[in-house]
Amino acid sequence: MVKTLIFEDENAKPLIVLMHGDCKVSTKELARQIGCKKVEPCKPEVANRHSGYLVGGTSPFGTKKPMPVYLEKTILDLPLIYINGGRRGFLVGVHPHDILRTLNPKPVEAALKG
């Protein structure tokens, strides 16, 4: 299971982070790796404005606004991932390398267990 999270940088520019479902994002480490001073998760209503999806059903595909996508590097080691398809409870199984091809994400290492 991979979750789609919407963050903003210090200039309020949105970005997508694809993270393992059982991990949190180290915002300090993510900011350092993508060259920002800080990043923080968006409030649900702000995430909805950026993505066009309700929180809990956010998909990285077909977002309202184009946003850069960052992918936890170890996701690429998985044989198959399940990612939100745009509605709560609607999951799509895809090969991680299909995510690379369609979203062109930048791999990062920002996972915190638990």
PDB file of N, CA and C in Angstrom:
ATOM      1  N   MET A   1       0.844  -1.180   0.000  1.00  0.00           N
ATOM      2  CA  MET A   1       0.000   0.000   0.000  1.00  0.00           C
ATOM      3  C   MET A   1       0.886   1.239   0.000  1.00  0.00           C
ATOM      4  N   VAL A   2       0.630   2.127  -0.926  1.00  0.00           N
ATOM      5  CA  VAL A   2       1.372   3.385  -1.036  1.00  0.00           C
ATOM      6  C   VAL A   2       0.373   4.526  -0.892  1.00  0.00           C
ATOM      7  N   LYS A   3       0.694   5.463  -0.002  1.00  0.00           N
ATOM      8  CA  LYS A   3      -0.211   6.597   0.173  1.00  0.00           C
ATOM      9  C   LYS A   3       0.292   7.809  -0.612  1.00  0.00           C
ATOM     10  N   THR A   4      -0.654   8.610  -1.048  1.00  0.00           N
ATOM     11  CA  THR A   4      -0.373   9.830  -1.796  1.00  0.00           C
ATOM     12  C   THR A   4      -0.610  11.004  -0.858  1.00  0.00           C
ATOM     13  N   LEU A   5       0.455  11.760  -0.600  1.00  0.00           N
ATOM     14  CA  LEU A   5       0.384  12.876   0.339  1.00  0.00           C
ATOM     15  C   LEU A   5       0.679  14.186  -0.373  1.00  0.00           C
ATOM     16  N   ILE A   6      -0.066  15.215  -0.021  1.00  0.00           N
ATOM     17  CA  ILE A   6       0.141  16.538  -0.610  1.00  0.00           C
ATOM     18  C   ILE A   6       0.831  17.425   0.432  1.00  0.00           C
ATOM     19  N   PHE A   7       1.969  17.978   0.052  1.00  0.00           N
ATOM     20  CA  PHE A   7       2.752  18.867   0.906  1.00  0.00           C
ATOM     21  C   PHE A   7       2.880  20.222   0.212  1.00  0.00           C
ATOM     22  N   GLU A   8       3.336  21.215   0.972  1.00  0.00           N
ATOM     23  CA  GLU A   8       3.689  22.517   0.412  1.00  0.00           C
ATOM     24  C   GLU A   8       5.082  22.881   0.896  1.00  0.00           C
ATOM     25  N   ASP A   9       5.822  23.602   0.021  1.00  0.00           N
ATOM     26  CA  ASP A   9       7.139  24.095   0.438  1.00  0.00           C
ATOM     27  C   ASP A   9       6.975  25.467   1.093  1.00  0.00           C
ATOM     28  N   GLU A  10       8.098  26.105   1.396  1.00  0.00           N
ATOM     29  CA  GLU A  10       8.051  27.396   2.102  1.00  0.00           C
ATOM     30  C   GLU A  10       7.384  28.500   1.286  1.00  0.00           C
ATOM     31  N   ASN A  11       7.264  28.294  -0.031  1.00  0.00           N
ATOM     32  CA  ASN A  11       6.600  29.280  -0.893  1.00  0.00           C
ATOM     33  C   ASN A  11       5.154  28.903  -1.194  1.00  0.00           C
ATOM     34  N   ALA A  12       4.613  27.948  -0.457  1.00  0.00           N
ATOM     35  CA  ALA A  12       3.244  27.432  -0.626  1.00  0.00           C
ATOM     36  C   ALA A  12       3.045  26.748  -1.974  1.00  0.00           C
ATOM     37  N   LYS A  13       4.137  26.260  -2.574  1.00  0.00           N
ATOM     38  CA  LYS A  13       4.029  25.499  -3.826  1.00  0.00           C
ATOM     39  C   LYS A  13       3.755  24.035  -3.456  1.00  0.00           C
ATOM     40  N   PRO A  14       2.715  23.439  -4.067  1.00  0.00           N
ATOM     41  CA  PRO A  14       2.358  22.067  -3.698  1.00  0.00           C
ATOM     42  C   PRO A  14       3.275  21.029  -4.344  1.00  0.00           C
ATOM     43  N   LEU A  15       3.366  19.879  -3.688  1.00  0.00           N
ATOM     44  CA  LEU A  15       4.114  18.742  -4.223  1.00  0.00           C
ATOM     45  C   LEU A  15       3.484  17.461  -3.696  1.00  0.00           C
ATOM     46  N   ILE A  16       3.696  16.393  -4.427  1.00  0.00           N
ATOM     47  CA  ILE A  16       3.149  15.088  -4.062  1.00  0.00           C
ATOM     48  C   ILE A  16       4.275  14.209  -3.542  1.00  0.00           C
ATOM     49  N   VAL A  17       3.992  13.479  -2.467  1.00  0.00           N
ATOM     50  CA  VAL A  17       4.931  12.499  -1.940  1.00  0.00           C
ATOM     51  C   VAL A  17       4.232  11.148  -1.918  1.00  0.00           C
ATOM     52  N   LEU A  18       4.846  10.150  -2.548  1.00  0.00           N
ATOM     53  CA  LEU A  18       4.345   8.784  -2.502  1.00  0.00           C
ATOM     54  C   LEU A  18       5.161   8.040  -1.457  1.00  0.00           C
ATOM     55  N   MET A  19       4.472   7.522  -0.424  1.00  0.00           N
ATOM     56  CA  MET A  19       5.148   6.930   0.721  1.00  0.00           C
ATOM     57  C   MET A  19       4.491   5.597   1.078  1.00  0.00           C
ATOM     58  N   HIS A  20       5.306   4.695   1.636  1.00  0.00           N
ATOM     59  CA  HIS A  20       4.772   3.434   2.148  1.00  0.00           C
ATOM     60  C   HIS A  20       3.644   3.733   3.130  1.00  0.00           C
ATOM     61  N   GLY A  21       2.605   2.921   3.107  1.00  0.00           N
ATOM     62  CA  GLY A  21       1.449   3.143   3.969  1.00  0.00           C
ATOM     63  C   GLY A  21       1.756   3.080   5.453  1.00  0.00           C
ATOM     64  N   ASP A  22       2.801   2.340   5.835  1.00  0.00           N
ATOM     65  CA  ASP A  22       3.135   2.197   7.253  1.00  0.00           C
ATOM     66  C   ASP A  22       4.254   3.126   7.704  1.00  0.00           C
ATOM     67  N   CYS A  23       4.585   4.112   6.887  1.00  0.00           N
ATOM     68  CA  CYS A  23       5.671   5.046   7.225  1.00  0.00           C
ATOM     69  C   CYS A  23       5.161   6.481   7.247  1.00  0.00           C
ATOM     70  N   LYS A  24       5.906   7.309   7.950  1.00  0.00           N
ATOM     71  CA  LYS A  24       5.664   8.751   7.937  1.00  0.00           C
ATOM     72  C   LYS A  24       6.760   9.398   7.107  1.00  0.00           C
ATOM     73  N   VAL A  25       6.570  10.663   6.780  1.00  0.00           N
ATOM     74  CA  VAL A  25       7.554  11.416   6.007  1.00  0.00           C
ATOM     75  C   VAL A  25       8.369  12.291   6.951  1.00  0.00           C
ATOM     76  N   SER A  26       9.690  12.178   6.868  1.00  0.00           N
ATOM     77  CA  SER A  26      10.565  13.097   7.589  1.00  0.00           C
ATOM     78  C   SER A  26      10.594  14.400   6.784  1.00  0.00           C
ATOM     79  N   THR A  27       9.907  15.415   7.277  1.00  0.00           N
ATOM     80  CA  THR A  27       9.822  16.664   6.515  1.00  0.00           C
ATOM     81  C   THR A  27      11.175  17.346   6.405  1.00  0.00           C
ATOM     82  N   LYS A  28      11.990  17.231   7.452  1.00  0.00           N
ATOM     83  CA  LYS A  28      13.330  17.839   7.392  1.00  0.00           C
ATOM     84  C   LYS A  28      14.175  17.162   6.320  1.00  0.00           C
ATOM     85  N   GLU A  29      14.141  15.831   6.295  1.00  0.00           N
ATOM     86  CA  GLU A  29      14.939  15.090   5.322  1.00  0.00           C
ATOM     87  C   GLU A  29      14.420  15.326   3.902  1.00  0.00           C
ATOM     88  N   LEU A  30      13.108  15.352   3.737  1.00  0.00           N
ATOM     89  CA  LEU A  30      12.525  15.617   2.415  1.00  0.00           C
ATOM     90  C   LEU A  30      12.942  17.003   1.930  1.00  0.00           C
ATOM     91  N   ALA A  31      12.807  18.014   2.768  1.00  0.00           N
ATOM     92  CA  ALA A  31      13.182  19.388   2.390  1.00  0.00           C
ATOM     93  C   ALA A  31      14.645  19.445   1.975  1.00  0.00           C
ATOM     94  N   ARG A  32      15.506  18.790   2.750  1.00  0.00           N
ATOM     95  CA  ARG A  32      16.937  18.794   2.437  1.00  0.00           C
ATOM     96  C   ARG A  32      17.196  18.154   1.071  1.00  0.00           C
ATOM     97  N   GLN A  33      16.534  17.034   0.794  1.00  0.00           N
ATOM     98  CA  GLN A  33      16.788  16.320  -0.457  1.00  0.00           C
ATOM     99  C   GLN A  33      16.226  17.012  -1.690  1.00  0.00           C
ATOM    100  N   ILE A  34      15.171  17.803  -1.514  1.00  0.00           N
ATOM    101  CA  ILE A  34      14.590  18.462  -2.692  1.00  0.00           C
ATOM    102  C   ILE A  34      15.008  19.927  -2.807  1.00  0.00           C
ATOM    103  N   GLY A  35      15.866  20.378  -1.890  1.00  0.00           N
ATOM    104  CA  GLY A  35      16.418  21.724  -1.988  1.00  0.00           C
ATOM    105  C   GLY A  35      15.501  22.827  -1.501  1.00  0.00           C
ATOM    106  N   CYS A  36      14.661  22.528  -0.508  1.00  0.00           N
ATOM    107  CA  CYS A  36      13.772  23.539   0.075  1.00  0.00           C
ATOM    108  C   CYS A  36      14.202  23.828   1.504  1.00  0.00           C
ATOM    109  N   LYS A  37      13.757  24.978   2.017  1.00  0.00           N
ATOM    110  CA  LYS A  37      14.035  25.292   3.420  1.00  0.00           C
ATOM    111  C   LYS A  37      13.150  24.451   4.333  1.00  0.00           C
ATOM    112  N   LYS A  38      11.868  24.295   3.940  1.00  0.00           N
ATOM    113  CA  LYS A  38      10.963  23.456   4.729  1.00  0.00           C
ATOM    114  C   LYS A  38       9.797  22.997   3.859  1.00  0.00           C
ATOM    115  N   VAL A  39       9.236  21.871   4.244  1.00  0.00           N
ATOM    116  CA  VAL A  39       8.005  21.375   3.644  1.00  0.00           C
ATOM    117  C   VAL A  39       7.089  20.944   4.781  1.00  0.00           C
ATOM    118  N   GLU A  40       5.801  21.049   4.535  1.00  0.00           N
ATOM    119  CA  GLU A  40       4.841  20.606   5.538  1.00  0.00           C
ATOM    120  C   GLU A  40       3.598  20.062   4.853  1.00  0.00           C
ATOM    121  N   PRO A  41       2.916  19.124   5.530  1.00  0.00           N
ATOM    122  CA  PRO A  41       1.686  18.583   4.945  1.00  0.00           C
ATOM    123  C   PRO A  41       0.636  19.671   4.818  1.00  0.00           C
ATOM    124  N   CYS A  42      -0.159  19.580   3.777  1.00  0.00           N
ATOM    125  CA  CYS A  42      -1.258  20.536   3.590  1.00  0.00           C
ATOM    126  C   CYS A  42      -2.420  20.179   4.499  1.00  0.00           C
ATOM    127  N   LYS A  43      -3.174  21.184   4.877  1.00  0.00           N
ATOM    128  CA  LYS A  43      -4.454  20.948   5.554  1.00  0.00           C
ATOM    129  C   LYS A  43      -5.380  20.287   4.532  1.00  0.00           C
ATOM    130  N   PRO A  44      -6.343  19.481   4.987  1.00  0.00           N
ATOM    131  CA  PRO A  44      -7.204  18.753   4.040  1.00  0.00           C
ATOM    132  C   PRO A  44      -7.852  19.624   2.964  1.00  0.00           C
ATOM    133  N   GLU A  45      -8.356  20.799   3.346  1.00  0.00           N
ATOM    134  CA  GLU A  45      -9.032  21.643   2.345  1.00  0.00           C
ATOM    135  C   GLU A  45      -8.044  22.205   1.320  1.00  0.00           C
ATOM    136  N   VAL A  46      -6.809  22.460   1.744  1.00  0.00           N
ATOM    137  CA  VAL A  46      -5.772  22.956   0.828  1.00  0.00           C
ATOM    138  C   VAL A  46      -5.333  21.829  -0.107  1.00  0.00           C
ATOM    139  N   ALA A  47      -5.162  20.627   0.444  1.00  0.00           N
ATOM    140  CA  ALA A  47      -4.797  19.473  -0.380  1.00  0.00           C
ATOM    141  C   ALA A  47      -5.876  19.215  -1.428  1.00  0.00           C
ATOM    142  N   ASN A  48      -7.129  19.374  -1.042  1.00  0.00           N
ATOM    143  CA  ASN A  48      -8.239  19.192  -1.981  1.00  0.00           C
ATOM    144  C   ASN A  48      -8.177  20.216  -3.104  1.00  0.00           C
ATOM    145  N   ARG A  49      -7.871  21.470  -2.765  1.00  0.00           N
ATOM    146  CA  ARG A  49      -7.761  22.522  -3.792  1.00  0.00           C
ATOM    147  C   ARG A  49      -6.640  22.219  -4.780  1.00  0.00           C
ATOM    148  N   HIS A  50      -5.505  21.722  -4.281  1.00  0.00           N
ATOM    149  CA  HIS A  50      -4.374  21.427  -5.160  1.00  0.00           C
ATOM    150  C   HIS A  50      -4.628  20.202  -6.039  1.00  0.00           C
ATOM    151  N   SER A  51      -5.174  19.149  -5.439  1.00  0.00           N
ATOM    152  CA  SER A  51      -5.274  17.866  -6.150  1.00  0.00           C
ATOM    153  C   SER A  51      -6.611  17.641  -6.839  1.00  0.00           C
ATOM    154  N   GLY A  52      -7.682  18.210  -6.280  1.00  0.00           N
ATOM    155  CA  GLY A  52      -9.014  17.926  -6.806  1.00  0.00           C
ATOM    156  C   GLY A  52      -9.618  16.676  -6.186  1.00  0.00           C
ATOM    157  N   TYR A  53      -8.911  16.039  -5.270  1.00  0.00           N
ATOM    158  CA  TYR A  53      -9.390  14.830  -4.597  1.00  0.00           C
ATOM    159  C   TYR A  53      -9.641  15.109  -3.123  1.00  0.00           C
ATOM    160  N   LEU A  54     -10.587  14.370  -2.541  1.00  0.00           N
ATOM    161  CA  LEU A  54     -10.813  14.444  -1.107  1.00  0.00           C
ATOM    162  C   LEU A  54      -9.716  13.675  -0.395  1.00  0.00           C
ATOM    163  N   VAL A  55      -9.278  14.159   0.764  1.00  0.00           N
ATOM    164  CA  VAL A  55      -8.267  13.474   1.556  1.00  0.00           C
ATOM    165  C   VAL A  55      -8.803  12.081   1.896  1.00  0.00           C
ATOM    166  N   GLY A  56      -7.941  11.102   1.750  1.00  0.00           N
ATOM    167  CA  GLY A  56      -8.348   9.708   1.929  1.00  0.00           C
ATOM    168  C   GLY A  56      -8.616   9.041   0.597  1.00  0.00           C
ATOM    169  N   GLY A  57      -8.725   9.839  -0.443  1.00  0.00           N
ATOM    170  CA  GLY A  57      -8.952   9.327  -1.781  1.00  0.00           C
ATOM    171  C   GLY A  57      -8.027   9.971  -2.794  1.00  0.00           C
ATOM    172  N   THR A  58      -6.962  10.591  -2.316  1.00  0.00           N
ATOM    173  CA  THR A  58      -6.045  11.319  -3.197  1.00  0.00           C
ATOM    174  C   THR A  58      -5.250  10.360  -4.065  1.00  0.00           C
ATOM    175  N   SER A  59      -5.248  10.627  -5.347  1.00  0.00           N
ATOM    176  CA  SER A  59      -4.481   9.847  -6.314  1.00  0.00           C
ATOM    177  C   SER A  59      -3.397  10.751  -6.914  1.00  0.00           C
ATOM    178  N   PRO A  60      -2.240  10.186  -7.258  1.00  0.00           N
ATOM    179  CA  PRO A  60      -1.219  11.008  -7.917  1.00  0.00           C
ATOM    180  C   PRO A  60      -1.524  11.225  -9.402  1.00  0.00           C
ATOM    181  N   PHE A  61      -2.515  10.498  -9.912  1.00  0.00           N
ATOM    182  CA  PHE A  61      -2.864  10.583 -11.336  1.00  0.00           C
ATOM    183  C   PHE A  61      -4.009  11.570 -11.542  1.00  0.00           C
ATOM    184  N   GLY A  62      -3.928  12.374 -12.569  1.00  0.00           N
ATOM    185  CA  GLY A  62      -5.027  13.267 -12.936  1.00  0.00           C
ATOM    186  C   GLY A  62      -5.326  14.342 -11.911  1.00  0.00           C
ATOM    187  N   THR A  63      -4.295  14.918 -11.321  1.00  0.00           N
ATOM    188  CA  THR A  63      -4.523  15.973 -10.333  1.00  0.00           C
ATOM    189  C   THR A  63      -4.982  17.254 -11.023  1.00  0.00           C
ATOM    190  N   LYS A  64      -5.672  18.070 -10.260  1.00  0.00           N
ATOM    191  CA  LYS A  64      -6.200  19.337 -10.760  1.00  0.00           C
ATOM    192  C   LYS A  64      -5.078  20.255 -11.245  1.00  0.00           C
ATOM    193  N   LYS A  65      -4.002  20.332 -10.456  1.00  0.00           N
ATOM    194  CA  LYS A  65      -2.839  21.144 -10.809  1.00  0.00           C
ATOM    195  C   LYS A  65      -1.653  20.215 -11.054  1.00  0.00           C
ATOM    196  N   PRO A  66      -0.794  20.532 -12.023  1.00  0.00           N
ATOM    197  CA  PRO A  66       0.435  19.743 -12.157  1.00  0.00           C
ATOM    198  C   PRO A  66       1.348  20.029 -10.960  1.00  0.00           C
ATOM    199  N   MET A  67       1.859  18.967 -10.356  1.00  0.00           N
ATOM    200  CA  MET A  67       2.736  19.109  -9.193  1.00  0.00           C
ATOM    201  C   MET A  67       3.917  18.164  -9.345  1.00  0.00           C
ATOM    202  N   PRO A  68       5.086  18.551  -8.829  1.00  0.00           N
ATOM    203  CA  PRO A  68       6.202  17.604  -8.842  1.00  0.00           C
ATOM    204  C   PRO A  68       5.874  16.424  -7.928  1.00  0.00           C
ATOM    205  N   VAL A  69       6.346  15.245  -8.321  1.00  0.00           N
ATOM    206  CA  VAL A  69       6.073  14.028  -7.557  1.00  0.00           C
ATOM    207  C   VAL A  69       7.392  13.478  -7.020  1.00  0.00           C
ATOM    208  N   TYR A  70       7.391  13.146  -5.732  1.00  0.00           N
ATOM    209  CA  TYR A  70       8.550  12.527  -5.083  1.00  0.00           C
ATOM    210  C   TYR A  70       8.117  11.172  -4.564  1.00  0.00           C
ATOM    211  N   LEU A  71       8.978  10.176  -4.771  1.00  0.00           N
ATOM    212  CA  LEU A  71       8.659   8.791  -4.465  1.00  0.00           C
ATOM    213  C   LEU A  71       9.700   8.228  -3.510  1.00  0.00           C
ATOM    214  N   GLU A  72       9.254   7.619  -2.415  1.00  0.00           N
ATOM    215  CA  GLU A  72      10.190   6.953  -1.514  1.00  0.00           C
ATOM    216  C   GLU A  72      10.912   5.867  -2.314  1.00  0.00           C
ATOM    217  N   LYS A  73      12.223   5.947  -2.333  1.00  0.00           N
ATOM    218  CA  LYS A  73      13.064   5.117  -3.195  1.00  0.00           C
ATOM    219  C   LYS A  73      12.788   3.615  -3.053  1.00  0.00           C
ATOM    220  N   THR A  74      12.541   3.138  -1.836  1.00  0.00           N
ATOM    221  CA  THR A  74      12.369   1.699  -1.615  1.00  0.00           C
ATOM    222  C   THR A  74      11.067   1.157  -2.206  1.00  0.00           C
ATOM    223  N   ILE A  75      10.142   2.021  -2.591  1.00  0.00           N
ATOM    224  CA  ILE A  75       8.915   1.578  -3.257  1.00  0.00           C
ATOM    225  C   ILE A  75       9.261   0.891  -4.574  1.00  0.00           C
ATOM    226  N   LEU A  76      10.337   1.339  -5.208  1.00  0.00           N
ATOM    227  CA  LEU A  76      10.746   0.760  -6.494  1.00  0.00           C
ATOM    228  C   LEU A  76      11.192  -0.696  -6.370  1.00  0.00           C
ATOM    229  N   ASP A  77      11.496  -1.149  -5.152  1.00  0.00           N
ATOM    230  CA  ASP A  77      11.927  -2.530  -4.934  1.00  0.00           C
ATOM    231  C   ASP A  77      10.756  -3.500  -4.831  1.00  0.00           C
ATOM    232  N   LEU A  78       9.541  -2.990  -4.730  1.00  0.00           N
ATOM    233  CA  LEU A  78       8.368  -3.844  -4.564  1.00  0.00           C
ATOM    234  C   LEU A  78       7.899  -4.398  -5.905  1.00  0.00           C
ATOM    235  N   PRO A  79       7.375  -5.636  -5.922  1.00  0.00           N
ATOM    236  CA  PRO A  79       6.914  -6.223  -7.186  1.00  0.00           C
ATOM    237  C   PRO A  79       5.601  -5.617  -7.675  1.00  0.00           C
ATOM    238  N   LEU A  80       4.734  -5.194  -6.752  1.00  0.00           N
ATOM    239  CA  LEU A  80       3.436  -4.619  -7.092  1.00  0.00           C
ATOM    240  C   LEU A  80       3.047  -3.686  -5.957  1.00  0.00           C
ATOM    241  N   ILE A  81       2.447  -2.555  -6.299  1.00  0.00           N
ATOM    242  CA  ILE A  81       1.973  -1.648  -5.255  1.00  0.00           C
ATOM    243  C   ILE A  81       0.489  -1.374  -5.468  1.00  0.00           C
ATOM    244  N   TYR A  82      -0.173  -1.029  -4.394  1.00  0.00           N
ATOM    245  CA  TYR A  82      -1.566  -0.600  -4.446  1.00  0.00           C
ATOM    246  C   TYR A  82      -1.592   0.869  -4.068  1.00  0.00           C
ATOM    247  N   ILE A  83      -2.210   1.661  -4.946  1.00  0.00           N
ATOM    248  CA  ILE A  83      -2.219   3.106  -4.771  1.00  0.00           C
ATOM    249  C   ILE A  83      -3.645   3.605  -5.000  1.00  0.00           C
ATOM    250  N   ASN A  84      -3.998   4.701  -4.374  1.00  0.00           N
ATOM    251  CA  ASN A  84      -5.356   5.210  -4.466  1.00  0.00           C
ATOM    252  C   ASN A  84      -5.707   5.604  -5.903  1.00  0.00           C
ATOM    253  N   GLY A  85      -6.909   5.231  -6.288  1.00  0.00           N
ATOM    254  CA  GLY A  85      -7.371   5.509  -7.642  1.00  0.00           C
ATOM    255  C   GLY A  85      -8.273   6.720  -7.762  1.00  0.00           C
ATOM    256  N   GLY A  86      -8.425   7.509  -6.683  1.00  0.00           N
ATOM    257  CA  GLY A  86      -9.194   8.748  -6.795  1.00  0.00           C
ATOM    258  C   GLY A  86     -10.434   8.812  -5.934  1.00  0.00           C
ATOM    259  N   ARG A  87     -10.759   7.707  -5.256  1.00  0.00           N
ATOM    260  CA  ARG A  87     -11.889   7.682  -4.323  1.00  0.00           C
ATOM    261  C   ARG A  87     -11.478   6.873  -3.109  1.00  0.00           C
ATOM    262  N   ARG A  88     -12.044   7.189  -1.971  1.00  0.00           N
ATOM    263  CA  ARG A  88     -11.762   6.406  -0.769  1.00  0.00           C
ATOM    264  C   ARG A  88     -12.151   4.959  -1.011  1.00  0.00           C
ATOM    265  N   GLY A  89     -11.218   4.060  -0.708  1.00  0.00           N
ATOM    266  CA  GLY A  89     -11.484   2.634  -0.868  1.00  0.00           C
ATOM    267  C   GLY A  89     -11.258   2.098  -2.264  1.00  0.00           C
ATOM    268  N   PHE A  90     -10.903   2.939  -3.225  1.00  0.00           N
ATOM    269  CA  PHE A  90     -10.666   2.487  -4.600  1.00  0.00           C
ATOM    270  C   PHE A  90      -9.162   2.427  -4.838  1.00  0.00           C
ATOM    271  N   LEU A  91      -8.604   1.214  -4.764  1.00  0.00           N
ATOM    272  CA  LEU A  91      -7.171   1.021  -4.928  1.00  0.00           C
ATOM    273  C   LEU A  91      -6.873   0.403  -6.278  1.00  0.00           C
ATOM    274  N   VAL A  92      -5.746   0.770  -6.843  1.00  0.00           N
ATOM    275  CA  VAL A  92      -5.301   0.265  -8.131  1.00  0.00           C
ATOM    276  C   VAL A  92      -3.958  -0.424  -7.930  1.00  0.00           C
ATOM    277  N   GLY A  93      -3.824  -1.650  -8.422  1.00  0.00           N
ATOM    278  CA  GLY A  93      -2.548  -2.358  -8.350  1.00  0.00           C
ATOM    279  C   GLY A  93      -1.717  -2.034  -9.584  1.00  0.00           C
ATOM    280  N   VAL A  94      -0.514  -1.545  -9.384  1.00  0.00           N
ATOM    281  CA  VAL A  94       0.377  -1.210 -10.506  1.00  0.00           C
ATOM    282  C   VAL A  94       1.808  -1.627 -10.174  1.00  0.00           C
ATOM    283  N   HIS A  95       2.578  -1.810 -11.190  1.00  0.00           N
ATOM    284  CA  HIS A  95       3.997  -2.088 -11.031  1.00  0.00           C
ATOM    285  C   HIS A  95       4.683  -0.745 -10.747  1.00  0.00           C
ATOM    286  N   PRO A  96       5.611  -0.691  -9.783  1.00  0.00           N
ATOM    287  CA  PRO A  96       6.260   0.591  -9.459  1.00  0.00           C
ATOM    288  C   PRO A  96       6.928   1.264 -10.652  1.00  0.00           C
ATOM    289  N   HIS A  97       7.413   0.479 -11.592  1.00  0.00           N
ATOM    290  CA  HIS A  97       8.086   1.093 -12.735  1.00  0.00           C
ATOM    291  C   HIS A  97       7.097   1.761 -13.698  1.00  0.00           C
ATOM    292  N   ASP A  98       5.810   1.372 -13.608  1.00  0.00           N
ATOM    293  CA  ASP A  98       4.785   2.092 -14.366  1.00  0.00           C
ATOM    294  C   ASP A  98       4.584   3.487 -13.777  1.00  0.00           C
ATOM    295  N   ILE A  99       4.743   3.601 -12.457  1.00  0.00           N
ATOM    296  CA  ILE A  99       4.682   4.921 -11.802  1.00  0.00           C
ATOM    297  C   ILE A  99       5.828   5.786 -12.321  1.00  0.00           C
ATOM    298  N   LEU A 100       7.011   5.190 -12.437  1.00  0.00           N
ATOM    299  CA  LEU A 100       8.168   5.934 -12.966  1.00  0.00           C
ATOM    300  C   LEU A 100       7.876   6.465 -14.360  1.00  0.00           C
ATOM    301  N   ARG A 101       7.295   5.632 -15.184  1.00  0.00           N
ATOM    302  CA  ARG A 101       7.038   5.997 -16.572  1.00  0.00           C
ATOM    303  C   ARG A 101       5.950   7.070 -16.696  1.00  0.00           C
ATOM    304  N   THR A 102       4.894   6.957 -15.901  1.00  0.00           N
ATOM    305  CA  THR A 102       3.768   7.874 -16.082  1.00  0.00           C
ATOM    306  C   THR A 102       3.898   9.186 -15.308  1.00  0.00           C
ATOM    307  N   LEU A 103       4.461   9.137 -14.091  1.00  0.00           N
ATOM    308  CA  LEU A 103       4.523  10.342 -13.254  1.00  0.00           C
ATOM    309  C   LEU A 103       5.892  11.005 -13.221  1.00  0.00           C
ATOM    310  N   ASN A 104       6.919  10.294 -13.673  1.00  0.00           N
ATOM    311  CA  ASN A 104       8.293  10.800 -13.664  1.00  0.00           C
ATOM    312  C   ASN A 104       8.678  11.364 -12.286  1.00  0.00           C
ATOM    313  N   PRO A 105       8.493  10.547 -11.216  1.00  0.00           N
ATOM    314  CA  PRO A 105       8.814  11.056  -9.877  1.00  0.00           C
ATOM    315  C   PRO A 105      10.309  11.090  -9.618  1.00  0.00           C
ATOM    316  N   LYS A 106      10.695  11.918  -8.665  1.00  0.00           N
ATOM    317  CA  LYS A 106      12.090  11.962  -8.228  1.00  0.00           C
ATOM    318  C   LYS A 106      12.197  11.098  -6.978  1.00  0.00           C
ATOM    319  N   PRO A 107      13.071  10.082  -6.980  1.00  0.00           N
ATOM    320  CA  PRO A 107      13.227   9.240  -5.787  1.00  0.00           C
ATOM    321  C   PRO A 107      13.867  10.026  -4.637  1.00  0.00           C
ATOM    322  N   VAL A 108      13.349   9.797  -3.428  1.00  0.00           N
ATOM    323  CA  VAL A 108      13.876  10.404  -2.213  1.00  0.00           C
ATOM    324  C   VAL A 108      13.963   9.322  -1.125  1.00  0.00           C
ATOM    325  N   GLU A 109      14.715   9.615  -0.078  1.00  0.00           N
ATOM    326  CA  GLU A 109      14.781   8.729   1.090  1.00  0.00           C
ATOM    327  C   GLU A 109      14.388   9.540   2.307  1.00  0.00           C
ATOM    328  N   ALA A 110      13.083   9.519   2.620  1.00  0.00           N
ATOM    329  CA  ALA A 110      12.570  10.359   3.704  1.00  0.00           C
ATOM    330  C   ALA A 110      11.602   9.595   4.598  1.00  0.00           C
ATOM    331  N   ALA A 111      11.649   8.272   4.576  1.00  0.00           N
ATOM    332  CA  ALA A 111      10.706   7.463   5.359  1.00  0.00           C
ATOM    333  C   ALA A 111      11.101   7.364   6.820  1.00  0.00           C
ATOM    334  N   LEU A 112      10.106   7.477   7.672  1.00  0.00           N
ATOM    335  CA  LEU A 112      10.256   7.223   9.110  1.00  0.00           C
ATOM    336  C   LEU A 112       9.302   6.085   9.445  1.00  0.00           C
ATOM    337  N   LYS A 113       9.791   5.011  10.035  1.00  0.00           N
ATOM    338  CA  LYS A 113       8.927   3.874  10.382  1.00  0.00           C
ATOM    339  C   LYS A 113       7.911   4.278  11.434  1.00  0.00           C
ATOM    340  N   GLY A 114       6.686   3.743  11.230  1.00  0.00           N
ATOM    341  CA  GLY A 114       5.627   3.926  12.245  1.00  0.00           C
ATOM    342  C   GLY A 114       4.996   5.233  12.153  1.00  0.00           C
TER     343      GLY A 114
END
